[in-house]
ModelCIF file with pLDDT and N, C-alpha, C, O atoms, coordinates in Angstrom:
data_MODEL
#
_entry.id   MODEL 
#
_entity.id                         1 
_entity.type                       polymer 
_entity.pdbx_number_of_molecules   1 
#
_entity_poly.entity_id                      1 
_entity_poly.type                           'polypeptide(L)' 
_entity_poly.nstd_linkage                   no 
_entity_poly.nstd_monomer                   no 
_entity_poly.pdbx_seq_one_letter_code       AISALGAVALVGVTGVLGACSSDEGVGNDGDTASSVDVER 
_entity_poly.pdbx_seq_one_letter_code_can   AISALGAVALVGVTGVLGACSSDEGVGNDGDTASSVDVER 
_entity_poly.pdbx_strand_id                 A 
#
loop_
_entity_poly_seq.entity_id 
_entity_poly_seq.num 
_entity_poly_seq.mon_id 
_entity_poly_seq.hetero 
1 1  ALA n 
1 2  ILE n 
1 3  SER n 
1 4  ALA n 
1 5  LEU n 
1 6  GLY n 
1 7  ALA n 
1 8  VAL n 
1 9  ALA n 
1 10 LEU n 
1 11 VAL n 
1 12 GLY n 
1 13 VAL n 
1 14 THR n 
1 15 GLY n 
1 16 VAL n 
1 17 LEU n 
1 18 GLY n 
1 19 ALA n 
1 20 CYS n 
1 21 SER n 
1 22 SER n 
1 23 ASP n 
1 24 GLU n 
1 25 GLY n 
1 26 VAL n 
1 27 GLY n 
1 28 ASN n 
1 29 ASP n 
1 30 GLY n 
1 31 ASP n 
1 32 THR n 
1 33 ALA n 
1 34 SER n 
1 35 SER n 
1 36 VAL n 
1 37 ASP n 
1 38 VAL n 
1 39 GLU n 
1 40 ARG n 
#
_struct_asym.id          A 
_struct_asym.entity_id   1 
#
loop_
_ma_qa_metric.id 
_ma_qa_metric.mode 
_ma_qa_metric.name 
_ma_qa_metric.software_group_id 
_ma_qa_metric.type 
1 global pLDDT . pLDDT 
2 local  pLDDT . pLDDT 
#
_ma_qa_metric_global.metric_id      1 
_ma_qa_metric_global.metric_value   37.38 
_ma_qa_metric_global.model_id       1 
_ma_qa_metric_global.ordinal_id     1 
#
loop_
_ma_qa_metric_local.label_asym_id 
_ma_qa_metric_local.label_comp_id 
_ma_qa_metric_local.label_seq_id 
_ma_qa_metric_local.metric_id 
_ma_qa_metric_local.metric_value 
_ma_qa_metric_local.model_id 
_ma_qa_metric_local.ordinal_id 
A ALA 1  2 36.00 1 1  
A ILE 2  2 36.00 1 2  
A SER 3  2 32.00 1 3  
A ALA 4  2 33.00 1 4  
A LEU 5  2 31.00 1 5  
A GLY 6  2 35.00 1 6  
A ALA 7  2 37.00 1 7  
A VAL 8  2 34.00 1 8  
A ALA 9  2 34.00 1 9  
A LEU 10 2 37.00 1 10 
A VAL 11 2 37.00 1 11 
A GLY 12 2 35.00 1 12 
A VAL 13 2 33.00 1 13 
A THR 14 2 35.00 1 14 
A GLY 15 2 34.00 1 15 
A VAL 16 2 35.00 1 16 
A LEU 17 2 32.00 1 17 
A GLY 18 2 34.00 1 18 
A ALA 19 2 33.00 1 19 
A CYS 20 2 35.00 1 20 
A SER 21 2 33.00 1 21 
A SER 22 2 32.00 1 22 
A ASP 23 2 34.00 1 23 
A GLU 24 2 34.00 1 24 
A GLY 25 2 33.00 1 25 
A VAL 26 2 32.00 1 26 
A GLY 27 2 34.00 1 27 
A ASN 28 2 35.00 1 28 
A ASP 29 2 38.00 1 29 
A GLY 30 2 38.00 1 30 
A ASP 31 2 37.00 1 31 
A THR 32 2 33.00 1 32 
A ALA 33 2 31.00 1 33 
A SER 34 2 32.00 1 34 
A SER 35 2 33.00 1 35 
A VAL 36 2 35.00 1 36 
A ASP 37 2 46.00 1 37 
A VAL 38 2 61.00 1 38 
A GLU 39 2 76.00 1 39 
A ARG 40 2 80.00 1 40 
#
loop_
_atom_site.group_PDB 
_atom_site.id 
_atom_site.type_symbol 
_atom_site.label_atom_id 
_atom_site.label_alt_id 
_atom_site.label_comp_id 
_atom_site.label_asym_id 
_atom_site.label_entity_id 
_atom_site.label_seq_id 
_atom_site.pdbx_PDB_ins_code 
_atom_site.Cartn_x 
_atom_site.Cartn_y 
_atom_site.Cartn_z 
_atom_site.occupancy 
_atom_site.B_iso_or_equiv 
_atom_site.pdbx_formal_charge 
_atom_site.auth_seq_id 
_atom_site.auth_comp_id 
_atom_site.auth_asym_id 
_atom_site.auth_atom_id 
_atom_site.pdbx_PDB_model_num 
ATOM 1   N N  . ALA A 1 1  ? -38.355 10.206 -21.851 1.00 36.00 ? 1  ALA A N  1 
ATOM 2   C CA . ALA A 1 1  ? -38.370 11.941 -22.698 1.00 36.00 ? 1  ALA A CA 1 
ATOM 3   C C  . ALA A 1 1  ? -39.056 11.431 -24.261 1.00 36.00 ? 1  ALA A C  1 
ATOM 4   O O  . ALA A 1 1  ? -38.668 11.573 -25.420 1.00 36.00 ? 1  ALA A O  1 
ATOM 5   N N  . ILE A 1 2  ? -40.116 10.855 -23.712 1.00 36.00 ? 2  ILE A N  1 
ATOM 6   C CA . ILE A 1 2  ? -40.612 10.774 -24.371 1.00 36.00 ? 2  ILE A CA 1 
ATOM 7   C C  . ILE A 1 2  ? -41.668 12.147 -25.223 1.00 36.00 ? 2  ILE A C  1 
ATOM 8   O O  . ILE A 1 2  ? -42.118 13.153 -24.674 1.00 36.00 ? 2  ILE A O  1 
ATOM 9   N N  . SER A 1 3  ? -41.816 11.752 -26.616 1.00 32.00 ? 3  SER A N  1 
ATOM 10  C CA . SER A 1 3  ? -42.587 13.011 -26.626 1.00 32.00 ? 3  SER A CA 1 
ATOM 11  C C  . SER A 1 3  ? -44.383 12.564 -26.923 1.00 32.00 ? 3  SER A C  1 
ATOM 12  O O  . SER A 1 3  ? -44.924 11.485 -27.165 1.00 32.00 ? 3  SER A O  1 
ATOM 13  N N  . ALA A 1 4  ? -45.185 14.686 -26.679 1.00 33.00 ? 4  ALA A N  1 
ATOM 14  C CA . ALA A 1 4  ? -46.508 13.651 -27.297 1.00 33.00 ? 4  ALA A CA 1 
ATOM 15  C C  . ALA A 1 4  ? -46.624 13.154 -27.832 1.00 33.00 ? 4  ALA A C  1 
ATOM 16  O O  . ALA A 1 4  ? -47.232 12.222 -27.305 1.00 33.00 ? 4  ALA A O  1 
ATOM 17  N N  . LEU A 1 5  ? -46.387 12.864 -29.343 1.00 31.00 ? 5  LEU A N  1 
ATOM 18  C CA . LEU A 1 5  ? -46.360 12.563 -30.753 1.00 31.00 ? 5  LEU A CA 1 
ATOM 19  C C  . LEU A 1 5  ? -45.799 10.655 -30.309 1.00 31.00 ? 5  LEU A C  1 
ATOM 20  O O  . LEU A 1 5  ? -46.248 9.536  -30.557 1.00 31.00 ? 5  LEU A O  1 
ATOM 21  N N  . GLY A 1 6  ? -44.662 11.194 -29.588 1.00 35.00 ? 6  GLY A N  1 
ATOM 22  C CA . GLY A 1 6  ? -44.577 9.121  -29.666 1.00 35.00 ? 6  GLY A CA 1 
ATOM 23  C C  . GLY A 1 6  ? -45.756 8.633  -28.322 1.00 35.00 ? 6  GLY A C  1 
ATOM 24  O O  . GLY A 1 6  ? -46.155 7.501  -28.049 1.00 35.00 ? 6  GLY A O  1 
ATOM 25  N N  . ALA A 1 7  ? -46.102 10.001 -27.641 1.00 37.00 ? 7  ALA A N  1 
ATOM 26  C CA . ALA A 1 7  ? -46.897 9.102  -26.776 1.00 37.00 ? 7  ALA A CA 1 
ATOM 27  C C  . ALA A 1 7  ? -48.358 8.496  -27.462 1.00 37.00 ? 7  ALA A C  1 
ATOM 28  O O  . ALA A 1 7  ? -48.684 7.364  -27.105 1.00 37.00 ? 7  ALA A O  1 
ATOM 29  N N  . VAL A 1 8  ? -49.097 9.102  -28.276 1.00 34.00 ? 8  VAL A N  1 
ATOM 30  C CA . VAL A 1 8  ? -50.099 8.787  -29.056 1.00 34.00 ? 8  VAL A CA 1 
ATOM 31  C C  . VAL A 1 8  ? -49.657 7.535  -29.552 1.00 34.00 ? 8  VAL A C  1 
ATOM 32  O O  . VAL A 1 8  ? -50.491 6.641  -29.403 1.00 34.00 ? 8  VAL A O  1 
ATOM 33  N N  . ALA A 1 9  ? -48.722 7.242  -30.032 1.00 34.00 ? 9  ALA A N  1 
ATOM 34  C CA . ALA A 1 9  ? -47.981 6.212  -31.195 1.00 34.00 ? 9  ALA A CA 1 
ATOM 35  C C  . ALA A 1 9  ? -47.856 4.851  -29.890 1.00 34.00 ? 9  ALA A C  1 
ATOM 36  O O  . ALA A 1 9  ? -47.827 3.629  -30.028 1.00 34.00 ? 9  ALA A O  1 
ATOM 37  N N  . LEU A 1 10 ? -47.821 5.454  -29.035 1.00 37.00 ? 10 LEU A N  1 
ATOM 38  C CA . LEU A 1 10 ? -47.682 4.343  -27.340 1.00 37.00 ? 10 LEU A CA 1 
ATOM 39  C C  . LEU A 1 10 ? -48.803 3.709  -27.385 1.00 37.00 ? 10 LEU A C  1 
ATOM 40  O O  . LEU A 1 10 ? -48.850 2.485  -27.270 1.00 37.00 ? 10 LEU A O  1 
ATOM 41  N N  . VAL A 1 11 ? -50.008 4.566  -27.584 1.00 37.00 ? 11 VAL A N  1 
ATOM 42  C CA . VAL A 1 11 ? -50.552 4.538  -26.754 1.00 37.00 ? 11 VAL A CA 1 
ATOM 43  C C  . VAL A 1 11 ? -52.044 3.590  -28.121 1.00 37.00 ? 11 VAL A C  1 
ATOM 44  O O  . VAL A 1 11 ? -53.201 3.301  -27.815 1.00 37.00 ? 11 VAL A O  1 
ATOM 45  N N  . GLY A 1 12 ? -51.499 3.419  -29.212 1.00 35.00 ? 12 GLY A N  1 
ATOM 46  C CA . GLY A 1 12 ? -52.040 2.524  -29.642 1.00 35.00 ? 12 GLY A CA 1 
ATOM 47  C C  . GLY A 1 12 ? -51.641 1.346  -30.014 1.00 35.00 ? 12 GLY A C  1 
ATOM 48  O O  . GLY A 1 12 ? -52.332 0.463  -30.520 1.00 35.00 ? 12 GLY A O  1 
ATOM 49  N N  . VAL A 1 13 ? -50.173 1.316  -29.690 1.00 33.00 ? 13 VAL A N  1 
ATOM 50  C CA . VAL A 1 13 ? -49.723 0.064  -29.524 1.00 33.00 ? 13 VAL A CA 1 
ATOM 51  C C  . VAL A 1 13 ? -50.456 -1.216 -28.156 1.00 33.00 ? 13 VAL A C  1 
ATOM 52  O O  . VAL A 1 13 ? -50.748 -2.380 -27.884 1.00 33.00 ? 13 VAL A O  1 
ATOM 53  N N  . THR A 1 14 ? -50.396 0.225  -27.708 1.00 35.00 ? 14 THR A N  1 
ATOM 54  C CA . THR A 1 14 ? -50.454 -0.888 -25.652 1.00 35.00 ? 14 THR A CA 1 
ATOM 55  C C  . THR A 1 14 ? -52.656 -0.438 -25.687 1.00 35.00 ? 14 THR A C  1 
ATOM 56  O O  . THR A 1 14 ? -53.356 -1.135 -24.953 1.00 35.00 ? 14 THR A O  1 
ATOM 57  N N  . GLY A 1 15 ? -52.925 -0.008 -26.024 1.00 34.00 ? 15 GLY A N  1 
ATOM 58  C CA . GLY A 1 15 ? -55.046 -0.012 -26.268 1.00 34.00 ? 15 GLY A CA 1 
ATOM 59  C C  . GLY A 1 15 ? -54.863 0.913  -25.008 1.00 34.00 ? 15 GLY A C  1 
ATOM 60  O O  . GLY A 1 15 ? -55.902 0.705  -24.381 1.00 34.00 ? 15 GLY A O  1 
ATOM 61  N N  . VAL A 1 16 ? -54.105 1.838  -24.274 1.00 35.00 ? 16 VAL A N  1 
ATOM 62  C CA . VAL A 1 16 ? -54.056 2.221  -22.856 1.00 35.00 ? 16 VAL A CA 1 
ATOM 63  C C  . VAL A 1 16 ? -55.532 3.213  -23.602 1.00 35.00 ? 16 VAL A C  1 
ATOM 64  O O  . VAL A 1 16 ? -55.738 3.846  -24.637 1.00 35.00 ? 16 VAL A O  1 
ATOM 65  N N  . LEU A 1 17 ? -56.034 2.979  -22.777 1.00 32.00 ? 17 LEU A N  1 
ATOM 66  C CA . LEU A 1 17 ? -57.337 4.529  -22.213 1.00 32.00 ? 17 LEU A CA 1 
ATOM 67  C C  . LEU A 1 17 ? -57.380 5.075  -21.262 1.00 32.00 ? 17 LEU A C  1 
ATOM 68  O O  . LEU A 1 17 ? -57.180 4.521  -20.181 1.00 32.00 ? 17 LEU A O  1 
ATOM 69  N N  . GLY A 1 18 ? -57.695 6.504  -21.414 1.00 34.00 ? 18 GLY A N  1 
ATOM 70  C CA . GLY A 1 18 ? -57.823 7.188  -20.014 1.00 34.00 ? 18 GLY A CA 1 
ATOM 71  C C  . GLY A 1 18 ? -57.693 8.556  -20.474 1.00 34.00 ? 18 GLY A C  1 
ATOM 72  O O  . GLY A 1 18 ? -57.694 8.898  -21.656 1.00 34.00 ? 18 GLY A O  1 
ATOM 73  N N  . ALA A 1 19 ? -57.565 9.432  -19.315 1.00 33.00 ? 19 ALA A N  1 
ATOM 74  C CA . ALA A 1 19 ? -57.862 10.942 -19.499 1.00 33.00 ? 19 ALA A CA 1 
ATOM 75  C C  . ALA A 1 19 ? -57.303 11.671 -18.418 1.00 33.00 ? 19 ALA A C  1 
ATOM 76  O O  . ALA A 1 19 ? -57.377 11.172 -17.295 1.00 33.00 ? 19 ALA A O  1 
ATOM 77  N N  . CYS A 1 20 ? -56.757 12.772 -18.576 1.00 35.00 ? 20 CYS A N  1 
ATOM 78  C CA . CYS A 1 20 ? -56.493 13.596 -17.833 1.00 35.00 ? 20 CYS A CA 1 
ATOM 79  C C  . CYS A 1 20 ? -56.760 15.120 -18.353 1.00 35.00 ? 20 CYS A C  1 
ATOM 80  O O  . CYS A 1 20 ? -56.362 15.490 -19.458 1.00 35.00 ? 20 CYS A O  1 
ATOM 81  N N  . SER A 1 21 ? -57.436 15.928 -17.496 1.00 33.00 ? 21 SER A N  1 
ATOM 82  C CA . SER A 1 21 ? -57.802 17.071 -17.865 1.00 33.00 ? 21 SER A CA 1 
ATOM 83  C C  . SER A 1 21 ? -57.405 18.064 -17.143 1.00 33.00 ? 21 SER A C  1 
ATOM 84  O O  . SER A 1 21 ? -57.624 18.033 -15.932 1.00 33.00 ? 21 SER A O  1 
ATOM 85  N N  . SER A 1 22 ? -56.573 19.425 -17.878 1.00 32.00 ? 22 SER A N  1 
ATOM 86  C CA . SER A 1 22 ? -55.691 20.188 -17.064 1.00 32.00 ? 22 SER A CA 1 
ATOM 87  C C  . SER A 1 22 ? -55.827 20.498 -15.501 1.00 32.00 ? 22 SER A C  1 
ATOM 88  O O  . SER A 1 22 ? -54.807 20.434 -14.815 1.00 32.00 ? 22 SER A O  1 
ATOM 89  N N  . ASP A 1 23 ? -57.177 20.865 -14.854 1.00 34.00 ? 23 ASP A N  1 
ATOM 90  C CA . ASP A 1 23 ? -56.959 20.807 -13.538 1.00 34.00 ? 23 ASP A CA 1 
ATOM 91  C C  . ASP A 1 23 ? -57.280 19.482 -12.982 1.00 34.00 ? 23 ASP A C  1 
ATOM 92  O O  . ASP A 1 23 ? -57.717 19.587 -11.836 1.00 34.00 ? 23 ASP A O  1 
ATOM 93  N N  . GLU A 1 24 ? -57.206 18.217 -13.428 1.00 34.00 ? 24 GLU A N  1 
ATOM 94  C CA . GLU A 1 24 ? -57.243 17.185 -12.762 1.00 34.00 ? 24 GLU A CA 1 
ATOM 95  C C  . GLU A 1 24 ? -55.641 16.712 -13.133 1.00 34.00 ? 24 GLU A C  1 
ATOM 96  O O  . GLU A 1 24 ? -55.138 15.912 -12.345 1.00 34.00 ? 24 GLU A O  1 
ATOM 97  N N  . GLY A 1 25 ? -55.056 17.033 -13.956 1.00 33.00 ? 25 GLY A N  1 
ATOM 98  C CA . GLY A 1 25 ? -54.263 16.370 -14.714 1.00 33.00 ? 25 GLY A CA 1 
ATOM 99  C C  . GLY A 1 25 ? -52.546 16.914 -14.242 1.00 33.00 ? 25 GLY A C  1 
ATOM 100 O O  . GLY A 1 25 ? -52.245 18.050 -13.875 1.00 33.00 ? 25 GLY A O  1 
ATOM 101 N N  . VAL A 1 26 ? -51.488 15.573 -14.408 1.00 32.00 ? 26 VAL A N  1 
ATOM 102 C CA . VAL A 1 26 ? -50.070 16.183 -14.198 1.00 32.00 ? 26 VAL A CA 1 
ATOM 103 C C  . VAL A 1 26 ? -49.360 16.890 -14.967 1.00 32.00 ? 26 VAL A C  1 
ATOM 104 O O  . VAL A 1 26 ? -49.757 16.914 -16.132 1.00 32.00 ? 26 VAL A O  1 
ATOM 105 N N  . GLY A 1 27 ? -48.711 17.308 -14.802 1.00 34.00 ? 27 GLY A N  1 
ATOM 106 C CA . GLY A 1 27 ? -47.828 18.124 -15.999 1.00 34.00 ? 27 GLY A CA 1 
ATOM 107 C C  . GLY A 1 27 ? -48.382 18.897 -17.341 1.00 34.00 ? 27 GLY A C  1 
ATOM 108 O O  . GLY A 1 27 ? -47.567 19.006 -18.257 1.00 34.00 ? 27 GLY A O  1 
ATOM 109 N N  . ASN A 1 28 ? -49.424 19.330 -17.497 1.00 35.00 ? 28 ASN A N  1 
ATOM 110 C CA . ASN A 1 28 ? -49.989 19.918 -18.226 1.00 35.00 ? 28 ASN A CA 1 
ATOM 111 C C  . ASN A 1 28 ? -49.676 21.491 -18.396 1.00 35.00 ? 28 ASN A C  1 
ATOM 112 O O  . ASN A 1 28 ? -50.253 22.182 -17.556 1.00 35.00 ? 28 ASN A O  1 
ATOM 113 N N  . ASP A 1 29 ? -48.971 22.104 -19.209 1.00 38.00 ? 29 ASP A N  1 
ATOM 114 C CA . ASP A 1 29 ? -48.517 23.240 -19.160 1.00 38.00 ? 29 ASP A CA 1 
ATOM 115 C C  . ASP A 1 29 ? -49.751 24.348 -19.409 1.00 38.00 ? 29 ASP A C  1 
ATOM 116 O O  . ASP A 1 29 ? -49.904 25.459 -18.901 1.00 38.00 ? 29 ASP A O  1 
ATOM 117 N N  . GLY A 1 30 ? -50.825 23.401 -20.684 1.00 38.00 ? 30 GLY A N  1 
ATOM 118 C CA . GLY A 1 30 ? -51.308 24.561 -21.652 1.00 38.00 ? 30 GLY A CA 1 
ATOM 119 C C  . GLY A 1 30 ? -53.030 23.864 -20.744 1.00 38.00 ? 30 GLY A C  1 
ATOM 120 O O  . GLY A 1 30 ? -53.002 23.436 -19.590 1.00 38.00 ? 30 GLY A O  1 
ATOM 121 N N  . ASP A 1 31 ? -54.422 23.920 -21.659 1.00 37.00 ? 31 ASP A N  1 
ATOM 122 C CA . ASP A 1 31 ? -55.238 23.597 -21.338 1.00 37.00 ? 31 ASP A CA 1 
ATOM 123 C C  . ASP A 1 31 ? -55.902 22.649 -22.088 1.00 37.00 ? 31 ASP A C  1 
ATOM 124 O O  . ASP A 1 31 ? -57.111 22.447 -21.972 1.00 37.00 ? 31 ASP A O  1 
ATOM 125 N N  . THR A 1 32 ? -55.248 22.111 -22.780 1.00 33.00 ? 32 THR A N  1 
ATOM 126 C CA . THR A 1 32 ? -55.868 21.398 -24.146 1.00 33.00 ? 32 THR A CA 1 
ATOM 127 C C  . THR A 1 32 ? -56.840 19.854 -23.701 1.00 33.00 ? 32 THR A C  1 
ATOM 128 O O  . THR A 1 32 ? -57.607 19.253 -24.453 1.00 33.00 ? 32 THR A O  1 
ATOM 129 N N  . ALA A 1 33 ? -56.547 19.554 -22.469 1.00 31.00 ? 33 ALA A N  1 
ATOM 130 C CA . ALA A 1 33 ? -57.527 18.715 -22.130 1.00 31.00 ? 33 ALA A CA 1 
ATOM 131 C C  . ALA A 1 33 ? -58.318 18.888 -20.935 1.00 31.00 ? 33 ALA A C  1 
ATOM 132 O O  . ALA A 1 33 ? -58.219 18.148 -19.957 1.00 31.00 ? 33 ALA A O  1 
ATOM 133 N N  . SER A 1 34 ? -59.311 20.129 -21.044 1.00 32.00 ? 34 SER A N  1 
ATOM 134 C CA . SER A 1 34 ? -59.599 20.471 -19.744 1.00 32.00 ? 34 SER A CA 1 
ATOM 135 C C  . SER A 1 34 ? -60.980 20.278 -19.840 1.00 32.00 ? 34 SER A C  1 
ATOM 136 O O  . SER A 1 34 ? -61.782 20.495 -18.931 1.00 32.00 ? 34 SER A O  1 
ATOM 137 N N  . SER A 1 35 ? -61.311 19.752 -21.269 1.00 33.00 ? 35 SER A N  1 
ATOM 138 C CA . SER A 1 35 ? -63.380 19.022 -21.511 1.00 33.00 ? 35 SER A CA 1 
ATOM 139 C C  . SER A 1 35 ? -63.207 17.259 -21.138 1.00 33.00 ? 35 SER A C  1 
ATOM 140 O O  . SER A 1 35 ? -64.220 16.559 -21.130 1.00 33.00 ? 35 SER A O  1 
ATOM 141 N N  . VAL A 1 36 ? -61.973 16.720 -20.871 1.00 35.00 ? 36 VAL A N  1 
ATOM 142 C CA . VAL A 1 36 ? -62.254 15.292 -20.834 1.00 35.00 ? 36 VAL A CA 1 
ATOM 143 C C  . VAL A 1 36 ? -62.291 14.563 -19.782 1.00 35.00 ? 36 VAL A C  1 
ATOM 144 O O  . VAL A 1 36 ? -61.348 13.782 -19.648 1.00 35.00 ? 36 VAL A O  1 
ATOM 145 N N  . ASP A 1 37 ? -62.822 14.570 -19.255 1.00 46.00 ? 37 ASP A N  1 
ATOM 146 C CA . ASP A 1 37 ? -63.898 13.645 -18.204 1.00 46.00 ? 37 ASP A CA 1 
ATOM 147 C C  . ASP A 1 37 ? -62.888 12.359 -17.535 1.00 46.00 ? 37 ASP A C  1 
ATOM 148 O O  . ASP A 1 37 ? -62.749 11.456 -18.360 1.00 46.00 ? 37 ASP A O  1 
ATOM 149 N N  . VAL A 1 38 ? -62.301 12.151 -16.463 1.00 61.00 ? 38 VAL A N  1 
ATOM 150 C CA . VAL A 1 38 ? -61.723 11.032 -16.470 1.00 61.00 ? 38 VAL A CA 1 
ATOM 151 C C  . VAL A 1 38 ? -62.511 9.600  -15.931 1.00 61.00 ? 38 VAL A C  1 
ATOM 152 O O  . VAL A 1 38 ? -61.957 8.510  -16.073 1.00 61.00 ? 38 VAL A O  1 
ATOM 153 N N  . GLU A 1 39 ? -63.842 9.726  -15.309 1.00 76.00 ? 39 GLU A N  1 
ATOM 154 C CA . GLU A 1 39 ? -64.699 9.024  -15.143 1.00 76.00 ? 39 GLU A CA 1 
ATOM 155 C C  . GLU A 1 39 ? -65.025 7.931  -16.026 1.00 76.00 ? 39 GLU A C  1 
ATOM 156 O O  . GLU A 1 39 ? -65.060 7.888  -17.256 1.00 76.00 ? 39 GLU A O  1 
ATOM 157 N N  . ARG A 1 40 ? -65.241 7.118  -15.212 1.00 80.00 ? 40 ARG A N  1 
ATOM 158 C CA . ARG A 1 40 ? -65.201 5.230  -15.998 1.00 80.00 ? 40 ARG A CA 1 
ATOM 159 C C  . ARG A 1 40 ? -66.362 4.962  -15.821 1.00 80.00 ? 40 ARG A C  1 
ATOM 160 O O  . ARG A 1 40 ? -66.802 3.865  -16.163 1.00 80.00 ? 40 ARG A O  1 
#
């Protein structure tokens, strides 16, 4: 049930790095992440 704000906090604590675009990601109702590349 984590919120987006909680997710940001969790990422800050754990040092997780990643990216999900709207057309490549999962569970996005909008298109806010569409410009983010998941290449590493």
